[in-house]
All heavy atoms as atom14 arrays in JSON, in Angstrom:
{
  "sequence": "GRHMAGFLGLTPREYSSGLRRRLGRISKRGDVYLRMLLIHKARSVL",
  "atom14_mask": [
    [1, 1, 1, 1, 0, 0, 0, 0, 0, 0, 0, 0, 0, 0],
    [1, 1, 1, 1, 1, 1, 1, 1, 1, 1, 1, 0, 0, 0],
    [1, 1, 1, 1, 1, 1, 1, 1, 1, 1, 0, 0, 0, 0],
    [1, 1, 1, 1, 1, 1, 1, 1, 0, 0, 0, 0, 0, 0],
    [1, 1, 1, 1, 1, 0, 0, 0, 0, 0, 0, 0, 0, 0],
    [1, 1, 1, 1, 0, 0, 0, 0, 0, 0, 0, 0, 0, 0],
    [1, 1, 1, 1, 1, 1, 1, 1, 1, 1, 1, 0, 0, 0],
    [1, 1, 1, 1, 1, 1, 1, 1, 0, 0, 0, 0, 0, 0],
    [1, 1, 1, 1, 0, 0, 0, 0, 0, 0, 0, 0, 0, 0],
    [1, 1, 1, 1, 1, 1, 1, 1, 0, 0, 0, 0, 0, 0],
    [1, 1, 1, 1, 1, 1, 1, 0, 0, 0, 0, 0, 0, 0],
    [1, 1, 1, 1, 1, 1, 1, 0, 0, 0, 0, 0, 0, 0],
    [1, 1, 1, 1, 1, 1, 1, 1, 1, 1, 1, 0, 0, 0],
    [1, 1, 1, 1, 1, 1, 1, 1, 1, 0, 0, 0, 0, 0],
    [1, 1, 1, 1, 1, 1, 1, 1, 1, 1, 1, 1, 0, 0],
    [1, 1, 1, 1, 1, 1, 0, 0, 0, 0, 0, 0, 0, 0],
    [1, 1, 1, 1, 1, 1, 0, 0, 0, 0, 0, 0, 0, 0],
    [1, 1, 1, 1, 0, 0, 0, 0, 0, 0, 0, 0, 0, 0],
    [1, 1, 1, 1, 1, 1, 1, 1, 0, 0, 0, 0, 0, 0],
    [1, 1, 1, 1, 1, 1, 1, 1, 1, 1, 1, 0, 0, 0],
    [1, 1, 1, 1, 1, 1, 1, 1, 1, 1, 1, 0, 0, 0],
    [1, 1, 1, 1, 1, 1, 1, 1, 1, 1, 1, 0, 0, 0],
    [1, 1, 1, 1, 1, 1, 1, 1, 0, 0, 0, 0, 0, 0],
    [1, 1, 1, 1, 0, 0, 0, 0, 0, 0, 0, 0, 0, 0],
    [1, 1, 1, 1, 1, 1, 1, 1, 1, 1, 1, 0, 0, 0],
    [1, 1, 1, 1, 1, 1, 1, 1, 0, 0, 0, 0, 0, 0],
    [1, 1, 1, 1, 1, 1, 0, 0, 0, 0, 0, 0, 0, 0],
    [1, 1, 1, 1, 1, 1, 1, 1, 1, 0, 0, 0, 0, 0],
    [1, 1, 1, 1, 1, 1, 1, 1, 1, 1, 1, 0, 0, 0],
    [1, 1, 1, 1, 0, 0, 0, 0, 0, 0, 0, 0, 0, 0],
    [1, 1, 1, 1, 1, 1, 1, 1, 0, 0, 0, 0, 0, 0],
    [1, 1, 1, 1, 1, 1, 1, 0, 0, 0, 0, 0, 0, 0],
    [1, 1, 1, 1, 1, 1, 1, 1, 1, 1, 1, 1, 0, 0],
    [1, 1, 1, 1, 1, 1, 1, 1, 0, 0, 0, 0, 0, 0],
    [1, 1, 1, 1, 1, 1, 1, 1, 1, 1, 1, 0, 0, 0],
    [1, 1, 1, 1, 1, 1, 1, 1, 0, 0, 0, 0, 0, 0],
    [1, 1, 1, 1, 1, 1, 1, 1, 0, 0, 0, 0, 0, 0],
    [1, 1, 1, 1, 1, 1, 1, 1, 0, 0, 0, 0, 0, 0],
    [1, 1, 1, 1, 1, 1, 1, 1, 0, 0, 0, 0, 0, 0],
    [1, 1, 1, 1, 1, 1, 1, 1, 1, 1, 0, 0, 0, 0],
    [1, 1, 1, 1, 1, 1, 1, 1, 1, 0, 0, 0, 0, 0],
    [1, 1, 1, 1, 1, 0, 0, 0, 0, 0, 0, 0, 0, 0],
    [1, 1, 1, 1, 1, 1, 1, 1, 1, 1, 1, 0, 0, 0],
    [1, 1, 1, 1, 1, 1, 0, 0, 0, 0, 0, 0, 0, 0],
    [1, 1, 1, 1, 1, 1, 1, 0, 0, 0, 0, 0, 0, 0],
    [1, 1, 1, 1, 1, 1, 1, 1, 0, 0, 0, 0, 0, 0]
  ],
  "atom14_positions": [
    [[-9.57, -29.36, -193.67], [-10.03, -28.85, -192.39], [-11.54, -28.97, -192.23], [-12.04, -29.14, -191.12], [0.0, 0.0, 0.0], [0.0, 0.0, 0.0], [0.0, 0.0, 0.0], [0.0, 0.0, 0.0], [0.0, 0.0, 0.0], [0.0, 0.0, 0.0], [0.0, 0.0, 0.0], [0.0, 0.0, 0.0], [0.0, 0.0, 0.0], [0.0, 0.0, 0.0]],
    [[-12.26, -28.87, -193.34], [-13.72, -29.03, -193.28], [-14.1, -30.43, -192.84], [-15.06, -30.62, -192.1], [-14.35, -28.7, -194.62], [-15.85, -28.93, -194.61], [-16.57, -28.04, -195.58], [-17.98, -28.38, -195.66], [-18.93, -27.79, -194.97], [-18.64, -26.81, -194.15], [-20.18, -28.14, -195.11], [0.0, 0.0, 0.0], [0.0, 0.0, 0.0], [0.0, 0.0, 0.0]],
    [[-13.35, -31.43, -193.29], [-13.62, -32.8, -192.87], [-13.4, -32.96, -191.36], [-14.17, -33.65, -190.68], [-12.75, -33.77, -193.65], [-13.19, -33.97, -195.05], [-12.77, -33.17, -196.08], [-14.03, -34.87, -195.6], [-13.31, -33.57, -197.2], [-14.1, -34.6, -196.94], [0.0, 0.0, 0.0], [0.0, 0.0, 0.0], [0.0, 0.0, 0.0], [0.0, 0.0, 0.0]],
    [[-12.35, -32.33, -190.84], [-12.09, -32.41, -189.4], [-13.18, -31.68, -188.62], [-13.65, -32.16, -187.59], [-10.72, -31.86, -189.04], [-10.35, -32.11, -187.6], [-8.65, -31.75, -187.25], [-8.84, -30.39, -186.12], [0.0, 0.0, 0.0], [0.0, 0.0, 0.0], [0.0, 0.0, 0.0], [0.0, 0.0, 0.0], [0.0, 0.0, 0.0], [0.0, 0.0, 0.0]],
    [[-13.6, -30.5, -189.11], [-14.67, -29.77, -188.44], [-15.98, -30.57, -188.49], [-16.74, -30.57, -187.52], [-14.86, -28.4, -189.09], [0.0, 0.0, 0.0], [0.0, 0.0, 0.0], [0.0, 0.0, 0.0], [0.0, 0.0, 0.0], [0.0, 0.0, 0.0], [0.0, 0.0, 0.0], [0.0, 0.0, 0.0], [0.0, 0.0, 0.0], [0.0, 0.0, 0.0]],
    [[-16.22, -31.24, -189.6], [-17.4, -32.11, -189.7], [-17.32, -33.29, -188.75], [-18.32, -33.69, -188.16], [0.0, 0.0, 0.0], [0.0, 0.0, 0.0], [0.0, 0.0, 0.0], [0.0, 0.0, 0.0], [0.0, 0.0, 0.0], [0.0, 0.0, 0.0], [0.0, 0.0, 0.0], [0.0, 0.0, 0.0], [0.0, 0.0, 0.0], [0.0, 0.0, 0.0]],
    [[-16.13, -33.85, -188.58], [-15.93, -34.96, -187.66], [-16.22, -34.53, -186.23], [-16.72, -35.32, -185.43], [-14.49, -35.46, -187.8], [-14.13, -36.58, -186.88], [-14.61, -37.85, -187.1], [-13.3, -36.36, -185.79], [-14.26, -38.89, -186.25], [-12.96, -37.38, -184.94], [-13.44, -38.67, -185.17], [0.0, 0.0, 0.0], [0.0, 0.0, 0.0], [0.0, 0.0, 0.0]],
    [[-15.94, -33.26, -185.93], [-16.21, -32.74, -184.59], [-17.65, -32.28, -184.41], [-18.05, -31.88, -183.33], [-15.26, -31.58, -184.28], [-13.78, -31.95, -184.21], [-12.93, -30.7, -184.08], [-13.51, -32.91, -183.09], [0.0, 0.0, 0.0], [0.0, 0.0, 0.0], [0.0, 0.0, 0.0], [0.0, 0.0, 0.0], [0.0, 0.0, 0.0], [0.0, 0.0, 0.0]],
    [[-18.44, -32.3, -185.49], [-19.85, -31.93, -185.41], [-20.08, -30.43, -185.46], [-21.08, -29.95, -184.94], [0.0, 0.0, 0.0], [0.0, 0.0, 0.0], [0.0, 0.0, 0.0], [0.0, 0.0, 0.0], [0.0, 0.0, 0.0], [0.0, 0.0, 0.0], [0.0, 0.0, 0.0], [0.0, 0.0, 0.0], [0.0, 0.0, 0.0], [0.0, 0.0, 0.0]],
    [[-19.18, -29.68, -186.09], [-19.29, -28.22, -186.13], [-19.78, -27.68, -187.46], [-19.91, -26.48, -187.61], [-17.92, -27.6, -185.8], [-17.49, -27.72, -184.35], [-16.03, -27.33, -184.2], [-18.36, -26.87, -183.46], [0.0, 0.0, 0.0], [0.0, 0.0, 0.0], [0.0, 0.0, 0.0], [0.0, 0.0, 0.0], [0.0, 0.0, 0.0], [0.0, 0.0, 0.0]],
    [[-20.03, -28.53, -188.44], [-20.5, -28.07, -189.74], [-22.01, -28.26, -189.84], [-22.59, -29.1, -189.16], [-19.81, -28.82, -190.88], [-19.98, -30.22, -190.68], [-18.33, -28.5, -190.93], [0.0, 0.0, 0.0], [0.0, 0.0, 0.0], [0.0, 0.0, 0.0], [0.0, 0.0, 0.0], [0.0, 0.0, 0.0], [0.0, 0.0, 0.0], [0.0, 0.0, 0.0]],
    [[-22.67, -27.48, -190.69], [-24.13, -27.58, -190.77], [-24.6, -28.9, -191.37], [-23.93, -29.47, -192.22], [-24.54, -26.41, -191.67], [-23.31, -25.79, -192.16], [-22.15, -26.42, -191.51], [0.0, 0.0, 0.0], [0.0, 0.0, 0.0], [0.0, 0.0, 0.0], [0.0, 0.0, 0.0], [0.0, 0.0, 0.0], [0.0, 0.0, 0.0], [0.0, 0.0, 0.0]],
    [[-25.76, -29.34, -190.91], [-26.39, -30.51, -191.53], [-26.95, -30.07, -192.86], [-27.34, -28.93, -193.05], [-27.52, -31.02, -190.64], [-26.98, -31.61, -189.34], [-28.06, -32.3, -188.61], [-28.23, -33.6, -189.25], [-28.95, -34.59, -188.74], [-29.57, -34.4, -187.61], [-29.05, -35.72, -189.35], [0.0, 0.0, 0.0], [0.0, 0.0, 0.0], [0.0, 0.0, 0.0]],
    [[-27.0, -31.01, -193.77], [-27.46, -30.68, -195.11], [-28.68, -31.53, -195.45], [-28.68, -32.74, -195.28], [-26.34, -30.93, -196.13], [-26.67, -30.44, -197.49], [-25.46, -30.43, -198.4], [-24.34, -30.72, -197.94], [-25.64, -30.14, -199.58], [0.0, 0.0, 0.0], [0.0, 0.0, 0.0], [0.0, 0.0, 0.0], [0.0, 0.0, 0.0], [0.0, 0.0, 0.0]],
    [[-29.72, -30.85, -195.88], [-30.95, -31.5, -196.33], [-31.15, -31.07, -197.78], [-31.76, -30.04, -198.03], [-32.14, -31.05, -195.49], [-31.95, -31.26, -194.01], [-31.55, -30.22, -193.2], [-32.17, -32.5, -193.43], [-31.36, -30.4, -191.84], [-31.99, -32.69, -192.07], [-31.58, -31.63, -191.28], [-31.4, -31.82, -189.94], [0.0, 0.0, 0.0], [0.0, 0.0, 0.0]],
    [[-30.57, -31.82, -198.69], [-30.6, -31.39, -200.08], [-31.3, -32.42, -200.95], [-31.3, -33.61, -200.66], [-29.19, -31.17, -200.6], [-28.56, -30.18, -199.84], [0.0, 0.0, 0.0], [0.0, 0.0, 0.0], [0.0, 0.0, 0.0], [0.0, 0.0, 0.0], [0.0, 0.0, 0.0], [0.0, 0.0, 0.0], [0.0, 0.0, 0.0], [0.0, 0.0, 0.0]],
    [[-31.87, -31.92, -202.02], [-32.52, -32.77, -203.0], [-32.44, -32.07, -204.36], [-32.87, -30.92, -204.49], [-33.98, -33.01, -202.62], [-34.63, -33.75, -203.62], [0.0, 0.0, 0.0], [0.0, 0.0, 0.0], [0.0, 0.0, 0.0], [0.0, 0.0, 0.0], [0.0, 0.0, 0.0], [0.0, 0.0, 0.0], [0.0, 0.0, 0.0], [0.0, 0.0, 0.0]],
    [[-31.89, -32.76, -205.32], [-31.78, -32.16, -206.64], [-30.91, -30.93, -206.62], [-29.8, -30.95, -206.14], [0.0, 0.0, 0.0], [0.0, 0.0, 0.0], [0.0, 0.0, 0.0], [0.0, 0.0, 0.0], [0.0, 0.0, 0.0], [0.0, 0.0, 0.0], [0.0, 0.0, 0.0], [0.0, 0.0, 0.0], [0.0, 0.0, 0.0], [0.0, 0.0, 0.0]],
    [[-31.43, -29.84, -207.13], [-30.67, -28.59, -207.18], [-30.91, -27.7, -205.97], [-30.29, -26.67, -205.83], [-31.01, -27.82, -208.46], [-30.62, -28.53, -209.75], [-31.09, -27.71, -210.95], [-29.14, -28.76, -209.82], [0.0, 0.0, 0.0], [0.0, 0.0, 0.0], [0.0, 0.0, 0.0], [0.0, 0.0, 0.0], [0.0, 0.0, 0.0], [0.0, 0.0, 0.0]],
    [[-31.82, -28.08, -205.11], [-32.13, -27.27, -203.92], [-31.24, -27.72, -202.76], [-31.29, -28.88, -202.35], [-33.59, -27.42, -203.56], [-33.93, -26.76, -202.25], [-35.41, -26.7, -202.03], [-35.78, -25.33, -202.35], [-36.91, -24.98, -202.91], [-37.77, -25.89, -203.27], [-37.17, -23.72, -203.14], [0.0, 0.0, 0.0], [0.0, 0.0, 0.0], [0.0, 0.0, 0.0]],
    [[-30.45, -26.79, -202.26], [-29.53, -27.09, -201.16], [-30.01, -26.38, -199.9], [-30.14, -25.16, -199.9], [-28.13, -26.63, -201.53], [-27.1, -27.03, -200.53], [-25.71, -26.7, -201.04], [-24.74, -27.21, -200.11], [-23.56, -26.68, -199.91], [-23.19, -25.63, -200.61], [-22.74, -27.2, -199.04], [0.0, 0.0, 0.0], [0.0, 0.0, 0.0], [0.0, 0.0, 0.0]],
    [[-30.24, -27.13, -198.85], [-30.69, -26.56, -197.58], [-29.7, -26.94, -196.49], [-29.45, -28.12, -196.26], [-32.06, -27.1, -197.21], [-33.15, -26.68, -198.16], [-34.51, -27.22, -197.69], [-35.32, -27.48, -198.85], [-35.59, -28.68, -199.35], [-35.1, -29.75, -198.78], [-36.34, -28.82, -200.42], [0.0, 0.0, 0.0], [0.0, 0.0, 0.0], [0.0, 0.0, 0.0]],
    [[-29.15, -25.93, -195.84], [-28.23, -26.16, -194.73], [-28.95, -25.85, -193.43], [-29.61, -24.83, -193.31], [-26.99, -25.27, -194.87], [-26.12, -25.56, -196.09], [-24.99, -24.55, -196.16], [-25.58, -26.95, -196.07], [0.0, 0.0, 0.0], [0.0, 0.0, 0.0], [0.0, 0.0, 0.0], [0.0, 0.0, 0.0], [0.0, 0.0, 0.0], [0.0, 0.0, 0.0]],
    [[-28.81, -26.72, -192.46], [-29.5, -26.56, -191.19], [-28.54, -26.18, -190.07], [-27.53, -25.51, -190.27], [0.0, 0.0, 0.0], [0.0, 0.0, 0.0], [0.0, 0.0, 0.0], [0.0, 0.0, 0.0], [0.0, 0.0, 0.0], [0.0, 0.0, 0.0], [0.0, 0.0, 0.0], [0.0, 0.0, 0.0], [0.0, 0.0, 0.0], [0.0, 0.0, 0.0]],
    [[-28.85, -26.65, -188.9], [-28.03, -26.38, -187.72], [-26.8, -27.28, -187.73], [-26.68, -28.16, -188.57], [-28.84, -26.64, -186.46], [-30.03, -25.73, -186.37], [-30.87, -26.04, -185.19], [-31.96, -25.08, -185.13], [-32.93, -25.13, -184.26], [-32.96, -26.09, -183.36], [-33.87, -24.22, -184.26], [0.0, 0.0, 0.0], [0.0, 0.0, 0.0], [0.0, 0.0, 0.0]],
    [[-25.89, -27.09, -186.76], [-24.7, -27.93, -186.73], [-25.11, -29.36, -186.43], [-26.13, -29.62, -185.76], [-23.65, -27.43, -185.72], [-24.18, -27.42, -184.3], [-23.1, -26.09, -186.13], [-23.12, -27.14, -183.25], [0.0, 0.0, 0.0], [0.0, 0.0, 0.0], [0.0, 0.0, 0.0], [0.0, 0.0, 0.0], [0.0, 0.0, 0.0], [0.0, 0.0, 0.0]],
    [[-24.33, -30.31, -186.93], [-24.74, -31.71, -186.85], [-24.6, -32.32, -185.46], [-25.33, -33.24, -185.12], [-23.91, -32.54, -187.84], [-22.55, -32.51, -187.48], [0.0, 0.0, 0.0], [0.0, 0.0, 0.0], [0.0, 0.0, 0.0], [0.0, 0.0, 0.0], [0.0, 0.0, 0.0], [0.0, 0.0, 0.0], [0.0, 0.0, 0.0], [0.0, 0.0, 0.0]],
    [[-23.67, -31.82, -184.65], [-23.42, -32.34, -183.3], [-23.11, -33.84, -183.31], [-23.48, -34.57, -182.4], [-24.61, -32.07, -182.38], [-24.89, -30.61, -182.15], [-26.01, -30.44, -181.16], [-26.31, -28.98, -180.96], [-27.41, -28.77, -180.03], [0.0, 0.0, 0.0], [0.0, 0.0, 0.0], [0.0, 0.0, 0.0], [0.0, 0.0, 0.0], [0.0, 0.0, 0.0]],
    [[-22.42, -34.31, -184.35], [-22.13, -35.72, -184.49], [-20.85, -36.16, -183.79], [-20.68, -37.32, -183.52], [-22.02, -36.08, -185.98], [-23.3, -36.01, -186.73], [-24.19, -37.16, -186.34], [-25.46, -37.08, -187.01], [-25.95, -38.05, -187.75], [-25.29, -39.16, -187.92], [-27.13, -37.91, -188.29], [0.0, 0.0, 0.0], [0.0, 0.0, 0.0], [0.0, 0.0, 0.0]],
    [[-19.94, -35.25, -183.55], [-18.64, -35.62, -183.02], [-18.61, -35.69, -181.51], [-19.63, -35.83, -180.83], [0.0, 0.0, 0.0], [0.0, 0.0, 0.0], [0.0, 0.0, 0.0], [0.0, 0.0, 0.0], [0.0, 0.0, 0.0], [0.0, 0.0, 0.0], [0.0, 0.0, 0.0], [0.0, 0.0, 0.0], [0.0, 0.0, 0.0], [0.0, 0.0, 0.0]],
    [[-17.42, -35.57, -180.97], [-17.2, -35.64, -179.54], [-17.77, -34.39, -178.85], [-17.42, -33.27, -179.2], [-15.69, -35.75, -179.26], [-15.39, -35.99, -177.8], [-16.05, -36.86, -177.21], [-14.5, -35.3, -177.26], [0.0, 0.0, 0.0], [0.0, 0.0, 0.0], [0.0, 0.0, 0.0], [0.0, 0.0, 0.0], [0.0, 0.0, 0.0], [0.0, 0.0, 0.0]],
    [[-18.64, -34.59, -177.9], [-19.32, -33.51, -177.21], [-18.33, -32.64, -176.44], [-18.42, -31.4, -176.46], [-20.39, -34.08, -176.24], [-21.06, -32.98, -175.45], [-21.4, -34.89, -176.99], [0.0, 0.0, 0.0], [0.0, 0.0, 0.0], [0.0, 0.0, 0.0], [0.0, 0.0, 0.0], [0.0, 0.0, 0.0], [0.0, 0.0, 0.0], [0.0, 0.0, 0.0]],
    [[-17.37, -33.27, -175.79], [-16.41, -32.54, -174.97], [-15.53, -31.62, -175.82], [-15.33, -30.45, -175.49], [-15.55, -33.53, -174.18], [-14.52, -32.89, -173.3], [-14.91, -32.13, -172.19], [-13.17, -33.02, -173.56], [-13.97, -31.54, -171.37], [-12.22, -32.43, -172.75], [-12.63, -31.69, -171.66], [-11.7, -31.09, -170.86], [0.0, 0.0, 0.0], [0.0, 0.0, 0.0]],
    [[-15.0, -32.13, -176.92], [-14.17, -31.3, -177.79], [-14.94, -30.16, -178.42], [-14.45, -29.05, -178.52], [-13.57, -32.16, -178.91], [-12.16, -32.66, -178.68], [-11.69, -33.48, -179.86], [-11.22, -31.55, -178.4], [0.0, 0.0, 0.0], [0.0, 0.0, 0.0], [0.0, 0.0, 0.0], [0.0, 0.0, 0.0], [0.0, 0.0, 0.0], [0.0, 0.0, 0.0]],
    [[-16.18, -30.44, -178.84], [-17.01, -29.39, -179.42], [-17.29, -28.3, -178.38], [-17.22, -27.11, -178.67], [-18.3, -29.98, -179.97], [-19.1, -29.02, -180.81], [-20.28, -29.66, -181.5], [-21.11, -30.46, -180.63], [-21.12, -31.8, -180.61], [-20.36, -32.47, -181.44], [-21.89, -32.46, -179.78], [0.0, 0.0, 0.0], [0.0, 0.0, 0.0], [0.0, 0.0, 0.0]],
    [[-17.57, -28.7, -177.16], [-17.82, -27.75, -176.09], [-16.57, -26.9, -175.81], [-16.66, -25.68, -175.67], [-18.23, -28.5, -174.82], [-18.56, -27.62, -173.63], [-17.3, -27.41, -172.35], [-16.58, -28.97, -172.1], [0.0, 0.0, 0.0], [0.0, 0.0, 0.0], [0.0, 0.0, 0.0], [0.0, 0.0, 0.0], [0.0, 0.0, 0.0], [0.0, 0.0, 0.0]],
    [[-15.4, -27.53, -175.8], [-14.15, -26.79, -175.57], [-13.92, -25.77, -176.68], [-13.59, -24.61, -176.41], [-12.97, -27.75, -175.52], [-12.72, -28.5, -174.21], [-11.55, -29.46, -174.38], [-12.44, -27.55, -173.08], [0.0, 0.0, 0.0], [0.0, 0.0, 0.0], [0.0, 0.0, 0.0], [0.0, 0.0, 0.0], [0.0, 0.0, 0.0], [0.0, 0.0, 0.0]],
    [[-14.1, -26.18, -177.92], [-13.86, -25.26, -179.04], [-14.84, -24.09, -179.03], [-14.45, -22.95, -179.31], [-13.93, -26.02, -180.36], [-12.7, -26.87, -180.68], [-12.95, -27.74, -181.89], [-11.49, -25.99, -180.91], [0.0, 0.0, 0.0], [0.0, 0.0, 0.0], [0.0, 0.0, 0.0], [0.0, 0.0, 0.0], [0.0, 0.0, 0.0], [0.0, 0.0, 0.0]],
    [[-16.09, -24.35, -178.71], [-17.08, -23.27, -178.68], [-16.79, -22.32, -177.52], [-16.87, -21.09, -177.68], [-18.51, -23.83, -178.63], [-18.83, -24.49, -179.97], [-19.52, -22.73, -178.33], [-20.16, -25.22, -180.02], [0.0, 0.0, 0.0], [0.0, 0.0, 0.0], [0.0, 0.0, 0.0], [0.0, 0.0, 0.0], [0.0, 0.0, 0.0], [0.0, 0.0, 0.0]],
    [[-16.39, -22.84, -176.38], [-16.04, -21.96, -175.25], [-14.8, -21.14, -175.57], [-14.72, -19.95, -175.2], [-15.82, -22.77, -173.98], [-17.09, -23.16, -173.29], [-18.12, -22.27, -173.06], [-17.51, -24.33, -172.8], [-19.1, -22.9, -172.44], [-18.75, -24.16, -172.28], [0.0, 0.0, 0.0], [0.0, 0.0, 0.0], [0.0, 0.0, 0.0], [0.0, 0.0, 0.0]],
    [[-13.84, -21.73, -176.24], [-12.64, -20.99, -176.62], [-12.99, -19.9, -177.64], [-12.43, -18.81, -177.61], [-11.56, -21.92, -177.17], [-11.08, -22.94, -176.17], [-10.64, -22.28, -174.88], [-10.28, -23.32, -173.85], [-9.83, -22.75, -172.59], [0.0, 0.0, 0.0], [0.0, 0.0, 0.0], [0.0, 0.0, 0.0], [0.0, 0.0, 0.0], [0.0, 0.0, 0.0]],
    [[-13.92, -20.2, -178.53], [-14.36, -19.2, -179.51], [-15.05, -18.04, -178.8], [-14.85, -16.87, -179.15], [-15.29, -19.83, -180.53], [0.0, 0.0, 0.0], [0.0, 0.0, 0.0], [0.0, 0.0, 0.0], [0.0, 0.0, 0.0], [0.0, 0.0, 0.0], [0.0, 0.0, 0.0], [0.0, 0.0, 0.0], [0.0, 0.0, 0.0], [0.0, 0.0, 0.0]],
    [[-15.85, -18.33, -177.79], [-16.49, -17.26, -177.0], [-15.43, -16.4, -176.32], [-15.56, -15.18, -176.23], [-17.42, -17.85, -175.95], [-18.67, -18.44, -176.5], [-19.46, -19.09, -175.35], [-20.34, -20.11, -175.86], [-21.61, -19.92, -176.17], [-22.14, -18.73, -176.01], [-22.35, -20.9, -176.62], [0.0, 0.0, 0.0], [0.0, 0.0, 0.0], [0.0, 0.0, 0.0]],
    [[-14.39, -17.04, -175.83], [-13.3, -16.31, -175.18], [-12.58, -15.39, -176.17], [-12.27, -14.24, -175.85], [-12.31, -17.31, -174.58], [-11.16, -16.65, -174.12], [0.0, 0.0, 0.0], [0.0, 0.0, 0.0], [0.0, 0.0, 0.0], [0.0, 0.0, 0.0], [0.0, 0.0, 0.0], [0.0, 0.0, 0.0], [0.0, 0.0, 0.0], [0.0, 0.0, 0.0]],
    [[-12.34, -15.88, -177.39], [-11.68, -15.06, -178.41], [-12.57, -13.87, -178.76], [-12.08, -12.74, -178.89], [-11.37, -15.91, -179.66], [-10.94, -15.04, -180.82], [-10.28, -16.93, -179.35], [0.0, 0.0, 0.0], [0.0, 0.0, 0.0], [0.0, 0.0, 0.0], [0.0, 0.0, 0.0], [0.0, 0.0, 0.0], [0.0, 0.0, 0.0], [0.0, 0.0, 0.0]],
    [[-13.88, -14.09, -178.88], [-14.81, -13.0, -179.16], [-14.8, -11.96, -178.04], [-14.79, -10.76, -178.3], [-16.24, -13.53, -179.33], [-16.64, -14.01, -180.7], [-17.99, -14.7, -180.65], [-16.68, -12.85, -181.67], [0.0, 0.0, 0.0], [0.0, 0.0, 0.0], [0.0, 0.0, 0.0], [0.0, 0.0, 0.0], [0.0, 0.0, 0.0], [0.0, 0.0, 0.0]]
  ]
}
């Protein structure tokens, strides 16, 4: 499921080097429309 969420651009970007792991904002790499639908549905659930 993490791979699918990453495909949709909902997982954090990673800027890592060596043993230091830095997670940033969501990658926004996937389909804009699907990501927008999922985020709006999440707001509705909240």
